[in-house]
C-alpha atoms as a PDB file:
ATOM      1  CA  UNK A   1      34.252 -32.803 -41.552  1.00  0.00           C
ATOM      2  CA  UNK A   2      32.679 -35.035 -38.682  1.00  0.00           C
ATOM      3  CA  UNK A   3      33.413 -32.650 -36.552  1.00  0.00           C
ATOM      4  CA  UNK A   4      31.928 -29.737 -38.335  1.00  0.00           C
ATOM      5  CA  UNK A   5      29.028 -31.423 -38.559  1.00  0.00           C
ATOM      6  CA  UNK A   6      28.372 -32.022 -34.691  1.00  0.00           C
ATOM      7  CA  UNK A   7      28.797 -28.433 -34.480  1.00  0.00           C
ATOM      8  CA  UNK A   8      26.575 -27.654 -37.068  1.00  0.00           C
ATOM      9  CA  UNK A   9      23.751 -29.929 -35.812  1.00  0.00           C
ATOM     10  CA  UNK A  10      24.083 -28.486 -31.685  1.00  0.00           C
ATOM     11  CA  UNK A  11      23.932 -24.761 -33.229  1.00  0.00           C
ATOM     12  CA  UNK A  12      20.370 -25.914 -35.439  1.00  0.00           C
ATOM     13  CA  UNK A  13      19.553 -27.789 -32.060  1.00  0.00           C
ATOM     14  CA  UNK A  14      18.436 -24.189 -29.954  1.00  0.00           C
ATOM     15  CA  UNK A  15      16.398 -22.644 -32.256  1.00  0.00           C
ATOM     16  CA  UNK A  16      14.498 -26.163 -32.575  1.00  0.00           C
ATOM     17  CA  UNK A  17      14.224 -26.091 -28.741  1.00  0.00           C
ATOM     18  CA  UNK A  18      13.462 -23.014 -28.361  1.00  0.00           C
ATOM     19  CA  UNK A  19      10.627 -22.984 -31.056  1.00  0.00           C
ATOM     20  CA  UNK A  20       9.093 -26.477 -28.991  1.00  0.00           C
ATOM     21  CA  UNK A  21       8.934 -24.708 -25.906  1.00  0.00           C
ATOM     22  CA  UNK A  22       7.048 -21.732 -27.464  1.00  0.00           C
ATOM     23  CA  UNK A  23       4.461 -24.136 -29.132  1.00  0.00           C
ATOM     24  CA  UNK A  24       3.833 -25.888 -25.999  1.00  0.00           C
ATOM     25  CA  UNK A  25      -0.176 -25.969 -24.992  1.00  0.00           C
ATOM     26  CA  UNK A  26      -0.561 -24.425 -21.254  1.00  0.00           C
ATOM     27  CA  UNK A  27      -3.508 -24.908 -19.507  1.00  0.00           C
ATOM     28  CA  UNK A  28      -5.631 -22.229 -17.684  1.00  0.00           C
ATOM     29  CA  UNK A  29      -8.336 -23.385 -15.182  1.00  0.00           C
ATOM     30  CA  UNK A  30     -11.014 -20.558 -15.212  1.00  0.00           C
ATOM     31  CA  UNK A  31     -13.368 -20.862 -12.444  1.00  0.00           C
ATOM     32  CA  UNK A  32     -16.146 -18.764 -12.226  1.00  0.00           C
ATOM     33  CA  UNK A  33     -19.593 -17.766 -10.563  1.00  0.00           C
ATOM     34  CA  UNK A  34     -21.374 -17.887 -13.510  1.00  0.00           C
ATOM     35  CA  UNK A  35     -21.347 -17.890 -17.312  1.00  0.00           C
ATOM     36  CA  UNK A  36     -24.427 -15.331 -17.127  1.00  0.00           C
ATOM     37  CA  UNK A  37     -21.584 -13.068 -16.988  1.00  0.00           C
ATOM     38  CA  UNK A  38     -19.969 -13.866 -20.146  1.00  0.00           C
ATOM     39  CA  UNK A  39     -18.180 -10.324 -20.559  1.00  0.00           C
ATOM     40  CA  UNK A  40     -16.033 -10.693 -17.902  1.00  0.00           C
ATOM     41  CA  UNK A  41     -14.030 -14.047 -19.294  1.00  0.00           C
ATOM     42  CA  UNK A  42     -14.772 -12.989 -22.663  1.00  0.00           C
ATOM     43  CA  UNK A  43     -12.725  -9.867 -21.604  1.00  0.00           C
ATOM     44  CA  UNK A  44      -9.807 -12.223 -19.728  1.00  0.00           C
ATOM     45  CA  UNK A  45      -9.813 -13.933 -23.160  1.00  0.00           C
ATOM     46  CA  UNK A  46      -9.145 -11.070 -25.620  1.00  0.00           C
ATOM     47  CA  UNK A  47      -6.315  -9.795 -23.044  1.00  0.00           C
ATOM     48  CA  UNK A  48      -4.892 -13.087 -23.244  1.00  0.00           C
ATOM     49  CA  UNK A  49      -5.121 -12.859 -27.199  1.00  0.00           C
ATOM     50  CA  UNK A  50      -3.355  -9.184 -26.758  1.00  0.00           C
ATOM     51  CA  UNK A  51      -0.594 -10.738 -25.007  1.00  0.00           C
ATOM     52  CA  UNK A  52      -0.026 -13.295 -27.857  1.00  0.00           C
ATOM     53  CA  UNK A  53      -1.888 -16.357 -26.349  1.00  0.00           C
ATOM     54  CA  UNK A  54      -4.580 -18.248 -28.526  1.00  0.00           C
ATOM     55  CA  UNK A  55      -7.324 -20.528 -27.181  1.00  0.00           C
ATOM     56  CA  UNK A  56      -6.812 -24.012 -29.325  1.00  0.00           C
ATOM     57  CA  UNK A  57      -3.467 -22.708 -30.262  1.00  0.00           C
ATOM     58  CA  UNK A  58      -0.983 -22.361 -27.381  1.00  0.00           C
ATOM     59  CA  UNK A  59      -3.228 -21.852 -24.767  1.00  0.00           C
ATOM     60  CA  UNK A  60      -5.890 -24.401 -23.559  1.00  0.00           C
ATOM     61  CA  UNK A  61      -8.897 -23.234 -20.955  1.00  0.00           C
ATOM     62  CA  UNK A  62     -11.115 -25.252 -18.702  1.00  0.00           C
ATOM     63  CA  UNK A  63     -13.746 -23.437 -17.901  1.00  0.00           C
ATOM     64  CA  UNK A  64     -15.547 -24.152 -14.531  1.00  0.00           C
ATOM     65  CA  UNK A  65     -18.712 -22.360 -13.739  1.00  0.00           C
ATOM     66  CA  UNK A  66     -20.773 -22.373  -9.769  1.00  0.00           C
ATOM     67  CA  UNK A  67     -23.652 -20.631 -10.939  1.00  0.00           C
ATOM     68  CA  UNK A  68     -26.007 -19.806  -7.975  1.00  0.00           C
ATOM     69  CA  UNK A  69     -24.798 -22.534  -5.876  1.00  0.00           C
ATOM     70  CA  UNK A  70     -21.225 -21.209  -4.597  1.00  0.00           C
ATOM     71  CA  UNK A  71     -21.209 -24.625  -2.592  1.00  0.00           C
ATOM     72  CA  UNK A  72     -19.873 -26.058  -6.422  1.00  0.00           C
ATOM     73  CA  UNK A  73     -16.676 -23.893  -5.939  1.00  0.00           C
ATOM     74  CA  UNK A  74     -14.815 -26.092  -3.749  1.00  0.00           C
ATOM     75  CA  UNK A  75     -15.653 -28.851  -5.730  1.00  0.00           C
ATOM     76  CA  UNK A  76     -14.678 -27.648  -9.120  1.00  0.00           C
ATOM     77  CA  UNK A  77     -11.100 -26.033  -7.497  1.00  0.00           C
ATOM     78  CA  UNK A  78     -10.329 -29.760  -6.989  1.00  0.00           C
ATOM     79  CA  UNK A  79     -11.324 -31.025 -10.424  1.00  0.00           C
ATOM     80  CA  UNK A  80      -8.765 -27.821 -12.044  1.00  0.00           C
ATOM     81  CA  UNK A  81      -5.969 -29.708  -9.749  1.00  0.00           C
ATOM     82  CA  UNK A  82      -6.541 -32.939 -10.665  1.00  0.00           C
ATOM     83  CA  UNK A  83      -6.412 -32.147 -14.196  1.00  0.00           C
ATOM     84  CA  UNK A  84      -2.736 -30.042 -12.988  1.00  0.00           C
ATOM     85  CA  UNK A  85      -3.276 -27.047 -14.771  1.00  0.00           C
ATOM     86  CA  UNK A  86      -0.799 -24.363 -15.054  1.00  0.00           C
ATOM     87  CA  UNK A  87      -2.741 -21.551 -13.592  1.00  0.00           C
ATOM     88  CA  UNK A  88      -6.480 -21.140 -12.359  1.00  0.00           C
ATOM     89  CA  UNK A  89      -8.107 -17.621 -13.248  1.00  0.00           C
ATOM     90  CA  UNK A  90     -10.589 -17.242  -9.984  1.00  0.00           C
ATOM     91  CA  UNK A  91     -13.402 -14.722 -10.200  1.00  0.00           C
ATOM     92  CA  UNK A  92     -14.767 -12.843  -8.115  1.00  0.00           C
ATOM     93  CA  UNK A  93     -13.925 -13.224  -4.284  1.00  0.00           C
ATOM     94  CA  UNK A  94     -15.312 -16.698  -3.688  1.00  0.00           C
ATOM     95  CA  UNK A  95     -13.826 -18.402  -6.335  1.00  0.00           C
ATOM     96  CA  UNK A  96     -10.374 -17.072  -5.812  1.00  0.00           C
ATOM     97  CA  UNK A  97     -11.010 -17.841  -1.955  1.00  0.00           C
ATOM     98  CA  UNK A  98     -11.920 -21.875  -3.116  1.00  0.00           C
ATOM     99  CA  UNK A  99      -9.007 -21.742  -5.295  1.00  0.00           C
ATOM    100  CA  UNK A 100      -6.764 -20.870  -2.642  1.00  0.00           C
ATOM    101  CA  UNK A 101      -8.183 -23.632  -0.241  1.00  0.00           C
ATOM    102  CA  UNK A 102      -7.965 -26.233  -3.044  1.00  0.00           C
ATOM    103  CA  UNK A 103      -4.164 -24.953  -3.775  1.00  0.00           C
ATOM    104  CA  UNK A 104      -1.302 -24.031  -2.600  1.00  0.00           C
ATOM    105  CA  UNK A 105       0.955 -24.511  -5.082  1.00  0.00           C
ATOM    106  CA  UNK A 106      -0.508 -24.090  -8.870  1.00  0.00           C
ATOM    107  CA  UNK A 107      -0.244 -19.815  -9.668  1.00  0.00           C
ATOM    108  CA  UNK A 108      -3.869 -18.544  -8.795  1.00  0.00           C
ATOM    109  CA  UNK A 109      -5.037 -15.072 -10.625  1.00  0.00           C
ATOM    110  CA  UNK A 110      -7.945 -13.978  -8.985  1.00  0.00           C
ATOM    111  CA  UNK A 111      -9.848 -11.116 -10.843  1.00  0.00           C
ATOM    112  CA  UNK A 112     -12.506  -8.464  -8.956  1.00  0.00           C
ATOM    113  CA  UNK A 113     -11.706  -9.461  -5.326  1.00  0.00           C
ATOM    114  CA  UNK A 114     -12.844  -7.842  -2.593  1.00  0.00           C
ATOM    115  CA  UNK A 115     -10.402  -6.897  -0.082  1.00  0.00           C
ATOM    116  CA  UNK A 116      -7.695  -9.851  -0.795  1.00  0.00           C
ATOM    117  CA  UNK A 117      -5.407  -8.740   1.937  1.00  0.00           C
ATOM    118  CA  UNK A 118      -7.974  -8.346   4.878  1.00  0.00           C
ATOM    119  CA  UNK A 119      -9.360 -11.646   3.748  1.00  0.00           C
ATOM    120  CA  UNK A 120      -6.476 -14.024   3.321  1.00  0.00           C
ATOM    121  CA  UNK A 121      -6.015 -14.280  -0.049  1.00  0.00           C
ATOM    122  CA  UNK A 122      -2.710 -12.635  -0.242  1.00  0.00           C
ATOM    123  CA  UNK A 123      -0.297 -11.080   2.746  1.00  0.00           C
ATOM    124  CA  UNK A 124      -0.412  -7.757   1.107  1.00  0.00           C
ATOM    125  CA  UNK A 125      -1.096  -5.913  -2.022  1.00  0.00           C
ATOM    126  CA  UNK A 126       2.554  -5.272  -2.803  1.00  0.00           C
ATOM    127  CA  UNK A 127       4.120  -8.584  -1.797  1.00  0.00           C
ATOM    128  CA  UNK A 128       1.486 -11.041  -2.138  1.00  0.00           C
ATOM    129  CA  UNK A 129       3.749 -14.007  -0.756  1.00  0.00           C
ATOM    130  CA  UNK A 130       1.904 -17.118  -2.025  1.00  0.00           C
ATOM    131  CA  UNK A 131       0.578 -18.141  -5.109  1.00  0.00           C
ATOM    132  CA  UNK A 132      -1.712 -16.077  -5.902  1.00  0.00           C
ATOM    133  CA  UNK A 133      -2.121 -12.283  -7.458  1.00  0.00           C
ATOM    134  CA  UNK A 134      -4.145 -10.504  -9.717  1.00  0.00           C
ATOM    135  CA  UNK A 135      -6.605  -7.784  -9.726  1.00  0.00           C
ATOM    136  CA  UNK A 136      -8.414  -6.967  -7.328  1.00  0.00           C
ATOM    137  CA  UNK A 137     -12.438  -4.916  -6.950  1.00  0.00           C
ATOM    138  CA  UNK A 138     -11.663  -2.657  -3.995  1.00  0.00           C
ATOM    139  CA  UNK A 139      -9.299  -2.577  -1.521  1.00  0.00           C
ATOM    140  CA  UNK A 140     -10.614  -0.780   2.381  1.00  0.00           C
ATOM    141  CA  UNK A 141     -13.937   0.981   1.990  1.00  0.00           C
ATOM    142  CA  UNK A 142     -13.584   3.479   0.228  1.00  0.00           C
ATOM    143  CA  UNK A 143     -15.938   2.751  -2.874  1.00  0.00           C
ATOM    144  CA  UNK A 144     -18.595   1.772  -1.123  1.00  0.00           C
ATOM    145  CA  UNK A 145     -18.613   4.052   1.133  1.00  0.00           C
ATOM    146  CA  UNK A 146     -18.555   6.719  -1.772  1.00  0.00           C
ATOM    147  CA  UNK A 147     -21.639   5.011  -3.077  1.00  0.00           C
ATOM    148  CA  UNK A 148     -23.841   5.900  -0.082  1.00  0.00           C
ATOM    149  CA  UNK A 149     -22.749   9.507  -0.090  1.00  0.00           C
ATOM    150  CA  UNK A 150     -23.812   9.525  -3.625  1.00  0.00           C
ATOM    151  CA  UNK A 151     -26.850   7.876  -2.968  1.00  0.00           C
ATOM    152  CA  UNK A 152     -27.725  10.542  -0.362  1.00  0.00           C
ATOM    153  CA  UNK A 153     -26.836  13.281  -2.540  1.00  0.00           C
ATOM    154  CA  UNK A 154     -28.859  12.573  -5.210  1.00  0.00           C
ATOM    155  CA  UNK A 155     -31.984  11.705  -3.358  1.00  0.00           C
ATOM    156  CA  UNK A 156     -32.740  14.749  -1.162  1.00  0.00           C
ATOM    157  CA  UNK A 157     -34.019  14.319   1.705  1.00  0.00           C
ATOM    158  CA  UNK A 158     -33.083  10.434   1.943  1.00  0.00           C
ATOM    159  CA  UNK A 159     -32.844   9.391   5.796  1.00  0.00           C
ATOM    160  CA  UNK A 160     -33.516   5.309   5.313  1.00  0.00           C
ATOM    161  CA  UNK A 161     -31.235   3.132   3.323  1.00  0.00           C
ATOM    162  CA  UNK A 162     -31.734  -0.265   2.782  1.00  0.00           C
ATOM    163  CA  UNK A 163     -28.798  -2.534   2.038  1.00  0.00           C
ATOM    164  CA  UNK A 164     -28.747  -5.686   0.163  1.00  0.00           C
ATOM    165  CA  UNK A 165     -26.090  -8.057   0.568  1.00  0.00           C
ATOM    166  CA  UNK A 166     -24.907 -11.826   0.433  1.00  0.00           C
ATOM    167  CA  UNK A 167     -23.385 -13.314   3.744  1.00  0.00           C
ATOM    168  CA  UNK A 168     -21.684 -15.849   1.081  1.00  0.00           C
ATOM    169  CA  UNK A 169     -19.406 -13.111   0.256  1.00  0.00           C
ATOM    170  CA  UNK A 170     -16.110 -12.901   2.378  1.00  0.00           C
ATOM    171  CA  UNK A 171     -15.857  -9.266   2.018  1.00  0.00           C
ATOM    172  CA  UNK A 172     -19.261  -8.917   3.411  1.00  0.00           C
ATOM    173  CA  UNK A 173     -19.043  -8.186   6.992  1.00  0.00           C
ATOM    174  CA  UNK A 174     -16.103  -5.575   6.159  1.00  0.00           C
ATOM    175  CA  UNK A 175     -18.793  -3.595   3.401  1.00  0.00           C
ATOM    176  CA  UNK A 176     -21.291  -3.828   6.305  1.00  0.00           C
ATOM    177  CA  UNK A 177     -18.801  -2.611   8.820  1.00  0.00           C
ATOM    178  CA  UNK A 178     -18.006   0.262   7.082  1.00  0.00           C
ATOM    179  CA  UNK A 179     -21.175   1.334   5.765  1.00  0.00           C
ATOM    180  CA  UNK A 180     -22.706   1.436   9.194  1.00  0.00           C
ATOM    181  CA  UNK A 181     -20.050   3.728  10.369  1.00  0.00           C
ATOM    182  CA  UNK A 182     -20.587   6.086   7.152  1.00  0.00           C
ATOM    183  CA  UNK A 183     -24.310   6.224   7.657  1.00  0.00           C
ATOM    184  CA  UNK A 184     -24.031   7.520  11.343  1.00  0.00           C
ATOM    185  CA  UNK A 185     -21.918  10.426   9.699  1.00  0.00           C
ATOM    186  CA  UNK A 186     -24.573  10.782   6.918  1.00  0.00           C
ATOM    187  CA  UNK A 187     -27.161  10.855   9.622  1.00  0.00           C
ATOM    188  CA  UNK A 188     -28.886   7.817   7.421  1.00  0.00           C
ATOM    189  CA  UNK A 189     -30.612   4.551   9.036  1.00  0.00           C
ATOM    190  CA  UNK A 190     -29.189   1.319   7.466  1.00  0.00           C
ATOM    191  CA  UNK A 191     -31.427  -1.826   7.436  1.00  0.00           C
ATOM    192  CA  UNK A 192     -29.700  -4.590   6.512  1.00  0.00           C
ATOM    193  CA  UNK A 193     -30.973  -7.101   4.398  1.00  0.00           C
ATOM    194  CA  UNK A 194     -29.114 -10.521   3.636  1.00  0.00           C
ATOM    195  CA  UNK A 195     -29.992 -12.863   1.145  1.00  0.00           C
ATOM    196  CA  UNK A 196     -28.409 -16.360  -0.594  1.00  0.00           C
ATOM    197  CA  UNK A 197     -29.887 -16.867  -3.790  1.00  0.00           C
ATOM    198  CA  UNK A 198     -32.279 -15.145  -5.997  1.00  0.00           C
ATOM    199  CA  UNK A 199     -35.329 -17.547  -4.332  1.00  0.00           C
ATOM    200  CA  UNK A 200     -35.246 -14.770  -1.426  1.00  0.00           C
ATOM    201  CA  UNK A 201     -35.510 -11.665  -3.420  1.00  0.00           C
ATOM    202  CA  UNK A 202     -39.340 -10.895  -3.016  1.00  0.00           C
ATOM    203  CA  UNK A 203     -38.480 -11.814   0.805  1.00  0.00           C
ATOM    204  CA  UNK A 204     -36.029  -9.014   0.775  1.00  0.00           C
ATOM    205  CA  UNK A 205     -38.018  -6.529  -0.783  1.00  0.00           C
ATOM    206  CA  UNK A 206     -41.023  -7.257   1.652  1.00  0.00           C
ATOM    207  CA  UNK A 207     -38.794  -6.974   4.233  1.00  0.00           C
ATOM    208  CA  UNK A 208     -37.366  -3.562   2.941  1.00  0.00           C
ATOM    209  CA  UNK A 209     -40.718  -2.157   2.852  1.00  0.00           C
ATOM    210  CA  UNK A 210     -41.976  -3.450   6.193  1.00  0.00           C
ATOM    211  CA  UNK A 211     -38.753  -1.127   7.236  1.00  0.00           C
ATOM    212  CA  UNK A 212     -39.804   1.753   5.445  1.00  0.00           C
ATOM    213  CA  UNK A 213     -36.818   2.059   3.084  1.00  0.00           C
ATOM    214  CA  UNK A 214     -36.594   4.918   0.828  1.00  0.00           C
ATOM    215  CA  UNK A 215     -33.405   4.101  -1.142  1.00  0.00           C
ATOM    216  CA  UNK A 216     -31.530   0.329  -2.029  1.00  0.00           C
ATOM    217  CA  UNK A 217     -27.466  -0.075  -2.086  1.00  0.00           C
ATOM    218  CA  UNK A 218     -26.828  -3.195  -3.173  1.00  0.00           C
ATOM    219  CA  UNK A 219     -23.648  -4.225  -2.327  1.00  0.00           C
ATOM    220  CA  UNK A 220     -21.492  -5.506  -5.441  1.00  0.00           C
ATOM    221  CA  UNK A 221     -21.257  -9.083  -5.791  1.00  0.00           C
ATOM    222  CA  UNK A 222     -21.706 -11.907  -8.320  1.00  0.00           C
ATOM    223  CA  UNK A 223     -25.209 -13.199  -7.448  1.00  0.00           C
ATOM    224  CA  UNK A 224     -26.299  -9.652  -8.223  1.00  0.00           C
ATOM    225  CA  UNK A 225     -24.708  -9.395 -11.058  1.00  0.00           C
ATOM    226  CA  UNK A 226     -26.073 -12.201 -12.387  1.00  0.00           C
ATOM    227  CA  UNK A 227     -29.568 -11.258 -11.527  1.00  0.00           C
ATOM    228  CA  UNK A 228     -29.446  -7.405 -11.806  1.00  0.00           C
ATOM    229  CA  UNK A 229     -32.408  -7.374 -14.093  1.00  0.00           C
ATOM    230  CA  UNK A 230     -34.766  -8.980 -11.563  1.00  0.00           C
ATOM    231  CA  UNK A 231     -33.438  -6.606  -8.737  1.00  0.00           C
ATOM    232  CA  UNK A 232     -33.999  -3.698 -10.801  1.00  0.00           C
ATOM    233  CA  UNK A 233     -37.537  -4.548 -11.545  1.00  0.00           C
ATOM    234  CA  UNK A 234     -38.119  -5.475  -7.859  1.00  0.00           C
ATOM    235  CA  UNK A 235     -36.456  -2.104  -7.152  1.00  0.00           C
ATOM    236  CA  UNK A 236     -38.518   0.018  -9.090  1.00  0.00           C
ATOM    237  CA  UNK A 237     -41.504  -1.944  -8.803  1.00  0.00           C
ATOM    238  CA  UNK A 238     -41.327  -0.956  -4.864  1.00  0.00           C
ATOM    239  CA  UNK A 239     -40.255   2.443  -5.935  1.00  0.00           C
ATOM    240  CA  UNK A 240     -36.437   2.071  -4.273  1.00  0.00           C
ATOM    241  CA  UNK A 241     -33.865   4.424  -6.127  1.00  0.00           C
ATOM    242  CA  UNK A 242     -31.020   2.136  -6.313  1.00  0.00           C
ATOM    243  CA  UNK A 243     -27.164   2.562  -6.085  1.00  0.00           C
ATOM    244  CA  UNK A 244     -25.278  -0.428  -7.191  1.00  0.00           C
ATOM    245  CA  UNK A 245     -21.277  -1.141  -7.098  1.00  0.00           C
ATOM    246  CA  UNK A 246     -20.806  -2.412 -10.873  1.00  0.00           C
ATOM    247  CA  UNK A 247     -22.261  -0.714 -13.954  1.00  0.00           C
ATOM    248  CA  UNK A 248     -23.934  -3.570 -15.368  1.00  0.00           C
ATOM    249  CA  UNK A 249     -26.729  -2.695 -12.319  1.00  0.00           C
ATOM    250  CA  UNK A 250     -27.683  -0.082 -13.692  1.00  0.00           C
ATOM    251  CA  UNK A 251     -27.263  -0.454 -17.315  1.00  0.00           C
ATOM    252  CA  UNK A 252     -29.696  -3.577 -15.987  1.00  0.00           C
ATOM    253  CA  UNK A 253     -32.345  -0.552 -15.189  1.00  0.00           C
ATOM    254  CA  UNK A 254     -30.892   0.233 -11.306  1.00  0.00           C
ATOM    255  CA  UNK A 255     -31.202   3.974 -10.929  1.00  0.00           C
ATOM    256  CA  UNK A 256     -27.212   4.876 -10.117  1.00  0.00           C
ATOM    257  CA  UNK A 257     -24.151   2.706  -9.607  1.00  0.00           C
ATOM    258  CA  UNK A 258     -20.212   3.454  -8.985  1.00  0.00           C
ATOM    259  CA  UNK A 259     -17.615   1.470  -9.090  1.00  0.00           C
ATOM    260  CA  UNK A 260     -14.618   0.496 -11.304  1.00  0.00           C
ATOM    261  CA  UNK A 261     -14.977  -1.371 -14.586  1.00  0.00           C
ATOM    262  CA  UNK A 262     -15.272  -5.148 -14.179  1.00  0.00           C
ATOM    263  CA  UNK A 263     -14.769  -5.966 -17.745  1.00  0.00           C
ATOM    264  CA  UNK A 264     -11.368  -3.669 -17.603  1.00  0.00           C
ATOM    265  CA  UNK A 265     -10.120  -5.568 -14.478  1.00  0.00           C
ATOM    266  CA  UNK A 266     -10.995  -8.647 -16.233  1.00  0.00           C
ATOM    267  CA  UNK A 267      -8.555  -7.781 -19.065  1.00  0.00           C
ATOM    268  CA  UNK A 268      -5.767  -6.888 -17.227  1.00  0.00           C
ATOM    269  CA  UNK A 269      -5.845 -10.246 -15.333  1.00  0.00           C
ATOM    270  CA  UNK A 270      -4.743 -11.454 -18.234  1.00  0.00           C
ATOM    271  CA  UNK A 271      -1.498  -9.435 -18.083  1.00  0.00           C
ATOM    272  CA  UNK A 272      -0.949 -11.607 -14.883  1.00  0.00           C
ATOM    273  CA  UNK A 273      -1.761 -14.907 -16.545  1.00  0.00           C
ATOM    274  CA  UNK A 274       0.545 -14.020 -19.534  1.00  0.00           C
ATOM    275  CA  UNK A 275       3.763 -12.859 -16.731  1.00  0.00           C
ATOM    276  CA  UNK A 276       3.088 -16.018 -15.058  1.00  0.00           C
ATOM    277  CA  UNK A 277       2.790 -18.380 -18.241  1.00  0.00           C
ATOM    278  CA  UNK A 278       6.331 -17.392 -19.340  1.00  0.00           C
ATOM    279  CA  UNK A 279       7.585 -17.522 -15.740  1.00  0.00           C
ATOM    280  CA  UNK A 280       6.953 -14.991 -13.063  1.00  0.00           C
ATOM    281  CA  UNK A 281       5.985 -16.325  -9.524  1.00  0.00           C
ATOM    282  CA  UNK A 282       2.707 -15.062  -8.773  1.00  0.00           C
ATOM    283  CA  UNK A 283       4.257 -14.095  -5.115  1.00  0.00           C
ATOM    284  CA  UNK A 284       6.658 -11.385  -6.583  1.00  0.00           C
ATOM    285  CA  UNK A 285       4.009  -9.650  -8.686  1.00  0.00           C
ATOM    286  CA  UNK A 286       1.754  -7.023  -6.334  1.00  0.00           C
ATOM    287  CA  UNK A 287      -2.077  -7.058  -6.701  1.00  0.00           C
ATOM    288  CA  UNK A 288      -3.050  -4.182  -9.050  1.00  0.00           C
ATOM    289  CA  UNK A 289      -5.838  -2.025  -7.750  1.00  0.00           C
ATOM    290  CA  UNK A 290      -8.142  -0.160  -9.926  1.00  0.00           C
ATOM    291  CA  UNK A 291      -7.409   3.307 -10.221  1.00  0.00           C
ATOM    292  CA  UNK A 292     -11.021   4.877 -11.838  1.00  0.00           C
ATOM    293  CA  UNK A 293     -14.060   4.801 -11.111  1.00  0.00           C
ATOM    294  CA  UNK A 294     -17.401   5.527 -13.425  1.00  0.00           C
ATOM    295  CA  UNK A 295     -20.601   7.152 -11.581  1.00  0.00           C
ATOM    296  CA  UNK A 296     -23.370   5.848 -14.124  1.00  0.00           C
ATOM    297  CA  UNK A 297     -27.176   7.049 -14.128  1.00  0.00           C
ATOM    298  CA  UNK A 298     -30.195   5.713 -15.604  1.00  0.00           C
ATOM    299  CA  UNK A 299     -32.033   8.667 -16.306  1.00  0.00           C
ATOM    300  CA  UNK A 300     -34.908   6.742 -17.806  1.00  0.00           C
ATOM    301  CA  UNK A 301     -35.148   4.859 -14.646  1.00  0.00           C
ATOM    302  CA  UNK A 302     -35.454   8.440 -13.061  1.00  0.00           C
ATOM    303  CA  UNK A 303     -38.234   9.476 -15.052  1.00  0.00           C
ATOM    304  CA  UNK A 304     -40.258   6.359 -14.014  1.00  0.00           C
ATOM    305  CA  UNK A 305     -39.385   6.596 -10.405  1.00  0.00           C
ATOM    306  CA  UNK A 306     -40.438  10.431 -10.619  1.00  0.00           C
ATOM    307  CA  UNK A 307     -37.360  11.589  -8.933  1.00  0.00           C
ATOM    308  CA  UNK A 308     -35.241  14.454 -10.092  1.00  0.00           C
ATOM    309  CA  UNK A 309     -31.871  14.179  -9.927  1.00  0.00           C
ATOM    310  CA  UNK A 310     -30.050  17.614  -9.607  1.00  0.00           C
ATOM    311  CA  UNK A 311     -28.347  18.577 -12.743  1.00  0.00           C
ATOM    312  CA  UNK A 312     -25.305  19.098 -10.577  1.00  0.00           C
ATOM    313  CA  UNK A 313     -25.061  15.753  -9.808  1.00  0.00           C
ATOM    314  CA  UNK A 314     -25.618  14.830 -13.760  1.00  0.00           C
ATOM    315  CA  UNK A 315     -22.890  16.338 -14.941  1.00  0.00           C
ATOM    316  CA  UNK A 316     -20.438  14.644 -12.738  1.00  0.00           C
ATOM    317  CA  UNK A 317     -22.026  11.259 -14.336  1.00  0.00           C
ATOM    318  CA  UNK A 318     -19.367   9.637 -16.703  1.00  0.00           C
ATOM    319  CA  UNK A 319     -22.255   8.364 -18.398  1.00  0.00           C
ATOM    320  CA  UNK A 320     -25.895   8.799 -18.551  1.00  0.00           C
ATOM    321  CA  UNK A 321     -28.229   6.198 -19.665  1.00  0.00           C
ATOM    322  CA  UNK A 322     -31.625   7.395 -21.741  1.00  0.00           C
END
């Protein structure tokens, strides 16, 4: 009888242990540029919920947002490391770089990182090799170059294009190099204008006027997403048709945009977090690249600019805002 009780106790202990493991509260550190891009971390949280993770029940998320001050990212990444979180979700590129510098052991899921292999976040897309994996905003220069091509096609006779970028973004130099080569092939004159904060926007647009820019290409960057409305208003005020790297720029009043969906890739990043929390190694999870790109046109802005967008161009758009 005693032997039977011992065996029964051993058998019963297996599901109890399994239940205890599944009930463990995991901790995720979320390192972002600004809480103003609220749609992105909400999309990530929605993706987690679909995978069976409920905030406050089996997962706790420690949020850290740097705002317009990217210098805070390093300190915040260090804070998350000290908290001994199970993994760090970092969005966008600068946050991922700060997280990688802060730890070589805690898994990192990057979200919308630009050219992650070229800037050293991963060894390669297929085999990341370290503690970083996740979703890439773009790999190579195809997306941003296509944006320049579309801008020229939409604005007949275009000759001078201003390019707005942030030198604090690790992927900036690659983007500008690619745009310069593309502009030469497209017979466009490129005028590069750089800003590191919203307080420099007025100066930047004055510089564009001085260089007689006829249109504006805004390089995809967290700063420009957070301040999309300001940039769109200044572009309209200065009569500059604008091309943005993300849909949010067009929704804020820019003329058009071409690029992947940031919300969708943020949601997809949750699948990486789910796999890692269940035991997968980031070094063995290939980086996911965007497979769908959206062309969005704001027809209301076109009317305000008195810009005539060819109908052949509009019918190719994935969305037209009236």
